[in-house]
C-alpha cells in the first residue's frame, strides 16, 4: 500500500502538513490562550525584538518573564501545564 503524505512549503522548507488530530489539538490549545495587545512606539519595536532574540526568547516570552518578576508570580503557559500533567500521569 502506498501512503501519500501532504507536504507544505514554509520559509523554503518542506514540512508534512498537520494531521486532523494535530489540528484538533491546536484548536483546543488556542481556546485556552488569550491575546493581549501591546502598543509601543515604532522606534522601540526593533530594539525589543533584538533584545528578546539576544536572550534566546520570543517577545512574548520576554514580556511574560518580566511580568513574572514584577508580579512575583510564575505564569505557567498552557503548553507547560500540559507537560506537567503528562509528567504527573507517568509517575
C-alpha atoms as a PDB file:
ATOM      1  CA  UNK A   1       0.000   0.000   0.000  1.00  0.00           C
ATOM      2  CA  UNK A   2       1.345   3.425  -0.956  1.00  0.00           C
ATOM      3  CA  UNK A   3       0.765   6.157   1.618  1.00  0.00           C
ATOM      4  CA  UNK A   4       0.968   9.694   0.303  1.00  0.00           C
ATOM      5  CA  UNK A   5       1.776  12.462   2.731  1.00  0.00           C
ATOM      6  CA  UNK A   6       0.873  16.014   2.007  1.00  0.00           C
ATOM      7  CA  UNK A   7       3.678  18.493   2.321  1.00  0.00           C
ATOM      8  CA  UNK A   8       3.617  22.240   2.580  1.00  0.00           C
ATOM      9  CA  UNK A   9       6.424  24.696   1.983  1.00  0.00           C
ATOM     10  CA  UNK A  10       7.188  27.081   4.828  1.00  0.00           C
ATOM     11  CA  UNK A  11      10.062  29.549   4.656  1.00  0.00           C
ATOM     12  CA  UNK A  12      11.703  27.476   1.937  1.00  0.00           C
ATOM     13  CA  UNK A  13      11.412  24.205   3.912  1.00  0.00           C
ATOM     14  CA  UNK A  14       9.170  21.278   3.050  1.00  0.00           C
ATOM     15  CA  UNK A  15       7.099  20.137   6.015  1.00  0.00           C
ATOM     16  CA  UNK A  16       4.439  17.469   6.445  1.00  0.00           C
ATOM     17  CA  UNK A  17       1.008  19.008   6.799  1.00  0.00           C
ATOM     18  CA  UNK A  18      -0.749  18.647  10.152  1.00  0.00           C
ATOM     19  CA  UNK A  19      -2.893  15.614  10.855  1.00  0.00           C
ATOM     20  CA  UNK A  20      -6.528  16.029  11.916  1.00  0.00           C
ATOM     21  CA  UNK A  21      -5.508  15.082  15.471  1.00  0.00           C
ATOM     22  CA  UNK A  22      -2.839  17.797  15.473  1.00  0.00           C
ATOM     23  CA  UNK A  23      -5.323  20.339  14.116  1.00  0.00           C
ATOM     24  CA  UNK A  24      -7.872  19.408  16.808  1.00  0.00           C
ATOM     25  CA  UNK A  25      -5.191  19.644  19.482  1.00  0.00           C
ATOM     26  CA  UNK A  26      -4.192  23.106  18.261  1.00  0.00           C
ATOM     27  CA  UNK A  27      -7.820  24.258  18.314  1.00  0.00           C
ATOM     28  CA  UNK A  28      -8.173  23.101  21.944  1.00  0.00           C
ATOM     29  CA  UNK A  29      -4.885  24.789  22.863  1.00  0.00           C
ATOM     30  CA  UNK A  30      -5.926  28.068  21.229  1.00  0.00           C
ATOM     31  CA  UNK A  31      -9.214  28.094  23.168  1.00  0.00           C
ATOM     32  CA  UNK A  32      -7.157  28.419  26.366  1.00  0.00           C
ATOM     33  CA  UNK A  33      -4.965  31.249  25.082  1.00  0.00           C
ATOM     34  CA  UNK A  34      -5.971  34.898  25.270  1.00  0.00           C
ATOM     35  CA  UNK A  35      -4.234  37.734  23.468  1.00  0.00           C
ATOM     36  CA  UNK A  36      -3.080  41.000  24.986  1.00  0.00           C
ATOM     37  CA  UNK A  37      -2.324  43.731  22.508  1.00  0.00           C
ATOM     38  CA  UNK A  38       0.830  45.631  23.354  1.00  0.00           C
ATOM     39  CA  UNK A  39       1.409  49.029  21.790  1.00  0.00           C
ATOM     40  CA  UNK A  40       4.891  50.526  21.678  1.00  0.00           C
ATOM     41  CA  UNK A  41       6.322  53.469  19.771  1.00  0.00           C
ATOM     42  CA  UNK A  42       7.663  52.330  16.408  1.00  0.00           C
ATOM     43  CA  UNK A  43      11.257  53.156  17.281  1.00  0.00           C
ATOM     44  CA  UNK A  44      11.160  50.676  20.203  1.00  0.00           C
ATOM     45  CA  UNK A  45       9.813  47.703  18.281  1.00  0.00           C
ATOM     46  CA  UNK A  46      13.053  46.552  16.668  1.00  0.00           C
ATOM     47  CA  UNK A  47      15.186  47.022  19.800  1.00  0.00           C
ATOM     48  CA  UNK A  48      12.634  44.996  21.795  1.00  0.00           C
ATOM     49  CA  UNK A  49      12.724  42.183  19.217  1.00  0.00           C
ATOM     50  CA  UNK A  50      16.536  42.226  19.183  1.00  0.00           C
ATOM     51  CA  UNK A  51      16.700  42.186  22.990  1.00  0.00           C
ATOM     52  CA  UNK A  52      14.386  39.189  23.162  1.00  0.00           C
ATOM     53  CA  UNK A  53      16.382  37.384  20.461  1.00  0.00           C
ATOM     54  CA  UNK A  54      19.653  38.084  22.287  1.00  0.00           C
ATOM     55  CA  UNK A  55      18.147  36.409  25.356  1.00  0.00           C
ATOM     56  CA  UNK A  56      17.024  33.432  23.257  1.00  0.00           C
ATOM     57  CA  UNK A  57      13.364  34.325  23.726  1.00  0.00           C
ATOM     58  CA  UNK A  58      10.388  35.439  21.731  1.00  0.00           C
ATOM     59  CA  UNK A  59       8.935  38.850  22.563  1.00  0.00           C
ATOM     60  CA  UNK A  60       6.030  37.020  24.199  1.00  0.00           C
ATOM     61  CA  UNK A  61       8.386  35.004  26.423  1.00  0.00           C
ATOM     62  CA  UNK A  62      10.295  38.173  27.339  1.00  0.00           C
ATOM     63  CA  UNK A  63       7.108  40.002  28.340  1.00  0.00           C
ATOM     64  CA  UNK A  64       5.910  37.029  30.395  1.00  0.00           C
ATOM     65  CA  UNK A  65       9.268  36.724  32.180  1.00  0.00           C
ATOM     66  CA  UNK A  66       9.241  40.442  33.011  1.00  0.00           C
ATOM     67  CA  UNK A  67       5.667  40.208  34.310  1.00  0.00           C
ATOM     68  CA  UNK A  68       6.621  37.217  36.449  1.00  0.00           C
ATOM     69  CA  UNK A  69       9.496  39.153  38.019  1.00  0.00           C
ATOM     70  CA  UNK A  70       7.437  42.294  38.563  1.00  0.00           C
ATOM     71  CA  UNK A  71       4.369  40.492  39.929  1.00  0.00           C
ATOM     72  CA  UNK A  72       6.282  37.855  41.905  1.00  0.00           C
ATOM     73  CA  UNK A  73       4.330  35.012  40.334  1.00  0.00           C
ATOM     74  CA  UNK A  74       5.006  32.180  37.930  1.00  0.00           C
ATOM     75  CA  UNK A  75       2.916  32.314  34.791  1.00  0.00           C
ATOM     76  CA  UNK A  76       2.600  28.749  33.580  1.00  0.00           C
ATOM     77  CA  UNK A  77       1.643  28.510  29.926  1.00  0.00           C
ATOM     78  CA  UNK A  78      -0.966  26.056  28.711  1.00  0.00           C
ATOM     79  CA  UNK A  79       1.816  24.081  26.991  1.00  0.00           C
ATOM     80  CA  UNK A  80       3.770  23.898  30.274  1.00  0.00           C
ATOM     81  CA  UNK A  81       0.613  22.851  32.136  1.00  0.00           C
ATOM     82  CA  UNK A  82       0.062  20.030  29.647  1.00  0.00           C
ATOM     83  CA  UNK A  83       3.681  18.871  30.024  1.00  0.00           C
ATOM     84  CA  UNK A  84       3.349  18.904  33.821  1.00  0.00           C
ATOM     85  CA  UNK A  85       0.107  16.939  33.616  1.00  0.00           C
ATOM     86  CA  UNK A  86       1.764  14.301  31.400  1.00  0.00           C
ATOM     87  CA  UNK A  87       4.695  14.021  33.815  1.00  0.00           C
ATOM     88  CA  UNK A  88       2.294  13.583  36.750  1.00  0.00           C
ATOM     89  CA  UNK A  89       0.379  10.886  34.876  1.00  0.00           C
ATOM     90  CA  UNK A  90       3.616   8.959  34.251  1.00  0.00           C
ATOM     91  CA  UNK A  91       4.559   8.915  37.961  1.00  0.00           C
END
